[in-house]
Amino acid sequence: MAKLAEVKNNRNNQQVTNLLARLETAAQGSENLMPYIYDCVKEYATLGEICNVLRKVFGEYKDRG
């Protein structure tokens, strides 16, 4: 947890927010999302932050079995 907090404190949070917003916009269309995800990762967006954006757009699969 301390390492995660350190990463979040030392990154450009405004840039991460902007890139996550761009990812969300791209996910609502039909573009290839990998370049957007890559940009987010380069700016130290967490996997959880990226997944939350994708869940917001696509929802979450729930096995009904």
PDB file of N, CA and C in Angstrom:
ATOM      1  N   MET A   1       0.826  -1.190   0.000  1.00  0.00           N
ATOM      2  CA  MET A   1       0.000   0.000   0.000  1.00  0.00           C
ATOM      3  C   MET A   1       0.871   1.255   0.000  1.00  0.00           C
ATOM      4  N   ALA A   2       1.962   1.207   0.740  1.00  0.00           N
ATOM      5  CA  ALA A   2       2.848   2.369   0.806  1.00  0.00           C
ATOM      6  C   ALA A   2       3.484   2.632  -0.552  1.00  0.00           C
ATOM      7  N   LYS A   3       3.867   1.577  -1.255  1.00  0.00           N
ATOM      8  CA  LYS A   3       4.479   1.721  -2.579  1.00  0.00           C
ATOM      9  C   LYS A   3       3.484   2.326  -3.573  1.00  0.00           C
ATOM     10  N   LEU A   4       2.234   1.881  -3.508  1.00  0.00           N
ATOM     11  CA  LEU A   4       1.191   2.417  -4.378  1.00  0.00           C
ATOM     12  C   LEU A   4       0.958   3.894  -4.085  1.00  0.00           C
ATOM     13  N   ALA A   5       0.897   4.248  -2.823  1.00  0.00           N
ATOM     14  CA  ALA A   5       0.719   5.651  -2.438  1.00  0.00           C
ATOM     15  C   ALA A   5       1.886   6.496  -2.943  1.00  0.00           C
ATOM     16  N   GLU A   6       3.092   5.951  -2.867  1.00  0.00           N
ATOM     17  CA  GLU A   6       4.269   6.676  -3.344  1.00  0.00           C
ATOM     18  C   GLU A   6       4.185   6.929  -4.848  1.00  0.00           C
ATOM     19  N   VAL A   7       3.782   5.905  -5.594  1.00  0.00           N
ATOM     20  CA  VAL A   7       3.651   6.049  -7.049  1.00  0.00           C
ATOM     21  C   VAL A   7       2.613   7.129  -7.364  1.00  0.00           C
ATOM     22  N   LYS A   8       1.464   7.062  -6.705  1.00  0.00           N
ATOM     23  CA  LYS A   8       0.402   8.037  -6.972  1.00  0.00           C
ATOM     24  C   LYS A   8       0.809   9.451  -6.582  1.00  0.00           C
ATOM     25  N   ASN A   9       1.617   9.588  -5.554  1.00  0.00           N
ATOM     26  CA  ASN A   9       2.064  10.914  -5.126  1.00  0.00           C
ATOM     27  C   ASN A   9       3.134  11.500  -6.033  1.00  0.00           C
ATOM     28  N   ASN A  10       3.865  10.646  -6.739  1.00  0.00           N
ATOM     29  CA  ASN A  10       4.988  11.115  -7.552  1.00  0.00           C
ATOM     30  C   ASN A  10       4.684  11.181  -9.049  1.00  0.00           C
ATOM     31  N   ARG A  11       3.481  10.830  -9.450  1.00  0.00           N
ATOM     32  CA  ARG A  11       3.125  10.900 -10.863  1.00  0.00           C
ATOM     33  C   ARG A  11       2.390  12.215 -11.148  1.00  0.00           C
ATOM     34  N   ASN A  12       2.194  12.485 -12.413  1.00  0.00           N
ATOM     35  CA  ASN A  12       1.432  13.656 -12.819  1.00  0.00           C
ATOM     36  C   ASN A  12      -0.049  13.269 -12.829  1.00  0.00           C
ATOM     37  N   ASN A  13      -0.730  13.505 -11.711  1.00  0.00           N
ATOM     38  CA  ASN A  13      -2.114  13.059 -11.567  1.00  0.00           C
ATOM     39  C   ASN A  13      -3.061  13.719 -12.556  1.00  0.00           C
ATOM     40  N   GLN A  14      -2.792  14.957 -12.921  1.00  0.00           N
ATOM     41  CA  GLN A  14      -3.641  15.627 -13.917  1.00  0.00           C
ATOM     42  C   GLN A  14      -3.519  14.929 -15.267  1.00  0.00           C
ATOM     43  N   GLN A  15      -2.303  14.549 -15.635  1.00  0.00           N
ATOM     44  CA  GLN A  15      -2.087  13.840 -16.896  1.00  0.00           C
ATOM     45  C   GLN A  15      -2.754  12.467 -16.855  1.00  0.00           C
ATOM     46  N   VAL A  16      -2.662  11.784 -15.727  1.00  0.00           N
ATOM     47  CA  VAL A  16      -3.322  10.475 -15.594  1.00  0.00           C
ATOM     48  C   VAL A  16      -4.835  10.642 -15.766  1.00  0.00           C
ATOM     49  N   THR A  17      -5.403  11.642 -15.139  1.00  0.00           N
ATOM     50  CA  THR A  17      -6.843  11.901 -15.260  1.00  0.00           C
ATOM     51  C   THR A  17      -7.220  12.158 -16.714  1.00  0.00           C
ATOM     52  N   ASN A  18      -6.433  12.969 -17.395  1.00  0.00           N
ATOM     53  CA  ASN A  18      -6.702  13.266 -18.800  1.00  0.00           C
ATOM     54  C   ASN A  18      -6.620  12.016 -19.669  1.00  0.00           C
ATOM     55  N   LEU A  19      -5.614  11.195 -19.436  1.00  0.00           N
ATOM     56  CA  LEU A  19      -5.450   9.983 -20.237  1.00  0.00           C
ATOM     57  C   LEU A  19      -6.549   8.959 -19.966  1.00  0.00           C
ATOM     58  N   LEU A  20      -6.979   8.859 -18.725  1.00  0.00           N
ATOM     59  CA  LEU A  20      -8.090   7.952 -18.409  1.00  0.00           C
ATOM     60  C   LEU A  20      -9.380   8.431 -19.075  1.00  0.00           C
ATOM     61  N   ALA A  21      -9.566   9.725 -19.157  1.00  0.00           N
ATOM     62  CA  ALA A  21     -10.737  10.283 -19.844  1.00  0.00           C
ATOM     63  C   ALA A  21     -10.673   9.985 -21.343  1.00  0.00           C
ATOM     64  N   ARG A  22      -9.477  10.081 -21.917  1.00  0.00           N
ATOM     65  CA  ARG A  22      -9.307   9.750 -23.340  1.00  0.00           C
ATOM     66  C   ARG A  22      -9.581   8.272 -23.577  1.00  0.00           C
ATOM     67  N   LEU A  23      -9.132   7.424 -22.648  1.00  0.00           N
ATOM     68  CA  LEU A  23      -9.407   5.986 -22.751  1.00  0.00           C
ATOM     69  C   LEU A  23     -10.909   5.737 -22.716  1.00  0.00           C
ATOM     70  N   GLU A  24     -11.599   6.410 -21.819  1.00  0.00           N
ATOM     71  CA  GLU A  24     -13.050   6.229 -21.721  1.00  0.00           C
ATOM     72  C   GLU A  24     -13.750   6.632 -23.016  1.00  0.00           C
ATOM     73  N   THR A  25     -13.354   7.752 -23.575  1.00  0.00           N
ATOM     74  CA  THR A  25     -13.940   8.210 -24.836  1.00  0.00           C
ATOM     75  C   THR A  25     -13.672   7.216 -25.954  1.00  0.00           C
ATOM     76  N   ALA A  26     -12.452   6.729 -26.033  1.00  0.00           N
ATOM     77  CA  ALA A  26     -12.102   5.750 -27.071  1.00  0.00           C
ATOM     78  C   ALA A  26     -12.892   4.456 -26.884  1.00  0.00           C
ATOM     79  N   ALA A  27     -13.082   4.036 -25.644  1.00  0.00           N
ATOM     80  CA  ALA A  27     -13.808   2.795 -25.355  1.00  0.00           C
ATOM     81  C   ALA A  27     -15.279   2.894 -25.756  1.00  0.00           C
ATOM     82  N   GLN A  28     -15.791   4.089 -25.780  1.00  0.00           N
ATOM     83  CA  GLN A  28     -17.192   4.280 -26.180  1.00  0.00           C
ATOM     84  C   GLN A  28     -17.369   4.184 -27.687  1.00  0.00           C
ATOM     85  N   GLY A  29     -16.271   4.214 -28.414  1.00  0.00           N
ATOM     86  CA  GLY A  29     -16.307   4.100 -29.867  1.00  0.00           C
ATOM     87  C   GLY A  29     -15.820   2.736 -30.313  1.00  0.00           C
ATOM     88  N   SER A  30     -15.122   2.728 -31.435  1.00  0.00           N
ATOM     89  CA  SER A  30     -14.658   1.452 -31.986  1.00  0.00           C
ATOM     90  C   SER A  30     -13.146   1.439 -32.214  1.00  0.00           C
ATOM     91  N   GLU A  31     -12.434   2.347 -31.571  1.00  0.00           N
ATOM     92  CA  GLU A  31     -10.986   2.425 -31.744  1.00  0.00           C
ATOM     93  C   GLU A  31     -10.263   1.289 -31.024  1.00  0.00           C
ATOM     94  N   ASN A  32      -9.037   1.039 -31.463  1.00  0.00           N
ATOM     95  CA  ASN A  32      -8.151   0.110 -30.777  1.00  0.00           C
ATOM     96  C   ASN A  32      -7.757   0.754 -29.441  1.00  0.00           C
ATOM     97  N   LEU A  33      -8.011   0.101 -28.338  1.00  0.00           N
ATOM     98  CA  LEU A  33      -7.771   0.686 -27.016  1.00  0.00           C
ATOM     99  C   LEU A  33      -6.338   0.540 -26.539  1.00  0.00           C
ATOM    100  N   MET A  34      -5.565  -0.345 -27.163  1.00  0.00           N
ATOM    101  CA  MET A  34      -4.199  -0.583 -26.680  1.00  0.00           C
ATOM    102  C   MET A  34      -3.328   0.669 -26.643  1.00  0.00           C
ATOM    103  N   PRO A  35      -3.337   1.541 -27.647  1.00  0.00           N
ATOM    104  CA  PRO A  35      -2.517   2.751 -27.540  1.00  0.00           C
ATOM    105  C   PRO A  35      -2.922   3.633 -26.356  1.00  0.00           C
ATOM    106  N   TYR A  36      -4.206   3.683 -26.073  1.00  0.00           N
ATOM    107  CA  TYR A  36      -4.692   4.488 -24.953  1.00  0.00           C
ATOM    108  C   TYR A  36      -4.289   3.871 -23.613  1.00  0.00           C
ATOM    109  N   ILE A  37      -4.406   2.557 -23.534  1.00  0.00           N
ATOM    110  CA  ILE A  37      -3.992   1.854 -22.320  1.00  0.00           C
ATOM    111  C   ILE A  37      -2.488   2.025 -22.110  1.00  0.00           C
ATOM    112  N   TYR A  38      -1.726   1.909 -23.181  1.00  0.00           N
ATOM    113  CA  TYR A  38      -0.270   2.073 -23.112  1.00  0.00           C
ATOM    114  C   TYR A  38       0.092   3.468 -22.599  1.00  0.00           C
ATOM    115  N   ASP A  39      -0.580   4.491 -23.107  1.00  0.00           N
ATOM    116  CA  ASP A  39      -0.323   5.863 -22.640  1.00  0.00           C
ATOM    117  C   ASP A  39      -0.624   5.996 -21.152  1.00  0.00           C
ATOM    118  N   CYS A  40      -1.699   5.379 -20.701  1.00  0.00           N
ATOM    119  CA  CYS A  40      -2.050   5.417 -19.277  1.00  0.00           C
ATOM    120  C   CYS A  40      -0.966   4.750 -18.433  1.00  0.00           C
ATOM    121  N   VAL A  41      -0.503   3.601 -18.886  1.00  0.00           N
ATOM    122  CA  VAL A  41       0.524   2.860 -18.153  1.00  0.00           C
ATOM    123  C   VAL A  41       1.828   3.655 -18.093  1.00  0.00           C
ATOM    124  N   LYS A  42       2.192   4.292 -19.200  1.00  0.00           N
ATOM    125  CA  LYS A  42       3.425   5.093 -19.219  1.00  0.00           C
ATOM    126  C   LYS A  42       3.387   6.222 -18.191  1.00  0.00           C
ATOM    127  N   GLU A  43       2.197   6.718 -17.886  1.00  0.00           N
ATOM    128  CA  GLU A  43       2.053   7.799 -16.899  1.00  0.00           C
ATOM    129  C   GLU A  43       1.736   7.257 -15.503  1.00  0.00           C
ATOM    130  N   TYR A  44       1.864   5.949 -15.331  1.00  0.00           N
ATOM    131  CA  TYR A  44       1.689   5.284 -14.032  1.00  0.00           C
ATOM    132  C   TYR A  44       0.246   5.242 -13.542  1.00  0.00           C
ATOM    133  N   ALA A  45      -0.705   5.171 -14.462  1.00  0.00           N
ATOM    134  CA  ALA A  45      -2.070   4.856 -14.053  1.00  0.00           C
ATOM    135  C   ALA A  45      -2.050   3.411 -13.570  1.00  0.00           C
ATOM    136  N   THR A  46      -2.808   3.120 -12.540  1.00  0.00           N
ATOM    137  CA  THR A  46      -2.807   1.762 -12.005  1.00  0.00           C
ATOM    138  C   THR A  46      -3.728   0.861 -12.823  1.00  0.00           C
ATOM    139  N   LEU A  47      -3.508  -0.431 -12.696  1.00  0.00           N
ATOM    140  CA  LEU A  47      -4.371  -1.397 -13.366  1.00  0.00           C
ATOM    141  C   LEU A  47      -5.815  -1.218 -12.900  1.00  0.00           C
ATOM    142  N   GLY A  48      -5.995  -0.962 -11.621  1.00  0.00           N
ATOM    143  CA  GLY A  48      -7.337  -0.742 -11.084  1.00  0.00           C
ATOM    144  C   GLY A  48      -8.017   0.463 -11.705  1.00  0.00           C
ATOM    145  N   GLU A  49      -7.276   1.552 -11.888  1.00  0.00           N
ATOM    146  CA  GLU A  49      -7.848   2.760 -12.489  1.00  0.00           C
ATOM    147  C   GLU A  49      -8.253   2.501 -13.941  1.00  0.00           C
ATOM    148  N   ILE A  50      -7.406   1.794 -14.667  1.00  0.00           N
ATOM    149  CA  ILE A  50      -7.705   1.469 -16.060  1.00  0.00           C
ATOM    150  C   ILE A  50      -8.919   0.542 -16.137  1.00  0.00           C
ATOM    151  N   CYS A  51      -8.937  -0.483 -15.303  1.00  0.00           N
ATOM    152  CA  CYS A  51     -10.062  -1.426 -15.293  1.00  0.00           C
ATOM    153  C   CYS A  51     -11.369  -0.748 -14.895  1.00  0.00           C
ATOM    154  N   ASN A  52     -11.312   0.191 -13.968  1.00  0.00           N
ATOM    155  CA  ASN A  52     -12.523   0.912 -13.566  1.00  0.00           C
ATOM    156  C   ASN A  52     -13.119   1.686 -14.732  1.00  0.00           C
ATOM    157  N   VAL A  53     -12.267   2.290 -15.549  1.00  0.00           N
ATOM    158  CA  VAL A  53     -12.752   3.009 -16.733  1.00  0.00           C
ATOM    159  C   VAL A  53     -13.419   2.023 -17.687  1.00  0.00           C
ATOM    160  N   LEU A  54     -12.777   0.896 -17.925  1.00  0.00           N
ATOM    161  CA  LEU A  54     -13.336  -0.079 -18.855  1.00  0.00           C
ATOM    162  C   LEU A  54     -14.625  -0.694 -18.315  1.00  0.00           C
ATOM    163  N   ARG A  55     -14.692  -0.935 -17.009  1.00  0.00           N
ATOM    164  CA  ARG A  55     -15.935  -1.442 -16.405  1.00  0.00           C
ATOM    165  C   ARG A  55     -17.067  -0.429 -16.562  1.00  0.00           C
ATOM    166  N   LYS A  56     -16.728   0.831 -16.420  1.00  0.00           N
ATOM    167  CA  LYS A  56     -17.730   1.897 -16.539  1.00  0.00           C
ATOM    168  C   LYS A  56     -18.361   1.877 -17.935  1.00  0.00           C
ATOM    169  N   VAL A  57     -17.552   1.639 -18.939  1.00  0.00           N
ATOM    170  CA  VAL A  57     -18.039   1.646 -20.316  1.00  0.00           C
ATOM    171  C   VAL A  57     -18.682   0.317 -20.699  1.00  0.00           C
ATOM    172  N   PHE A  58     -18.014  -0.800 -20.387  1.00  0.00           N
ATOM    173  CA  PHE A  58     -18.457  -2.105 -20.868  1.00  0.00           C
ATOM    174  C   PHE A  58     -19.248  -2.931 -19.868  1.00  0.00           C
ATOM    175  N   GLY A  59     -19.208  -2.538 -18.604  1.00  0.00           N
ATOM    176  CA  GLY A  59     -19.853  -3.335 -17.575  1.00  0.00           C
ATOM    177  C   GLY A  59     -18.947  -4.466 -17.140  1.00  0.00           C
ATOM    178  N   GLU A  60     -19.514  -5.362 -16.361  1.00  0.00           N
ATOM    179  CA  GLU A  60     -18.742  -6.475 -15.818  1.00  0.00           C
ATOM    180  C   GLU A  60     -19.473  -7.771 -16.101  1.00  0.00           C
ATOM    181  N   TYR A  61     -18.741  -8.757 -16.617  1.00  0.00           N
ATOM    182  CA  TYR A  61     -19.326 -10.062 -16.897  1.00  0.00           C
ATOM    183  C   TYR A  61     -19.585 -10.803 -15.595  1.00  0.00           C
ATOM    184  N   LYS A  62     -20.779 -11.327 -15.452  1.00  0.00           N
ATOM    185  CA  LYS A  62     -21.113 -12.127 -14.273  1.00  0.00           C
ATOM    186  C   LYS A  62     -21.641 -13.460 -14.754  1.00  0.00           C
ATOM    187  N   ASP A  63     -20.942 -14.512 -14.401  1.00  0.00           N
ATOM    188  CA  ASP A  63     -21.342 -15.861 -14.791  1.00  0.00           C
ATOM    189  C   ASP A  63     -22.631 -16.222 -14.081  1.00  0.00           C
ATOM    190  N   ARG A  64     -23.617 -16.586 -14.831  1.00  0.00           N
ATOM    191  CA  ARG A  64     -24.926 -16.932 -14.272  1.00  0.00           C
ATOM    192  C   ARG A  64     -25.059 -18.433 -14.019  1.00  0.00           C
ATOM    193  N   GLY A  65     -23.929 -19.162 -14.179  1.00  0.00           N
ATOM    194  CA  GLY A  65     -23.961 -20.625 -14.087  1.00  0.00           C
ATOM    195  C   GLY A  65     -23.875 -21.160 -12.751  1.00  0.00           C
TER     196      GLY A  65
END
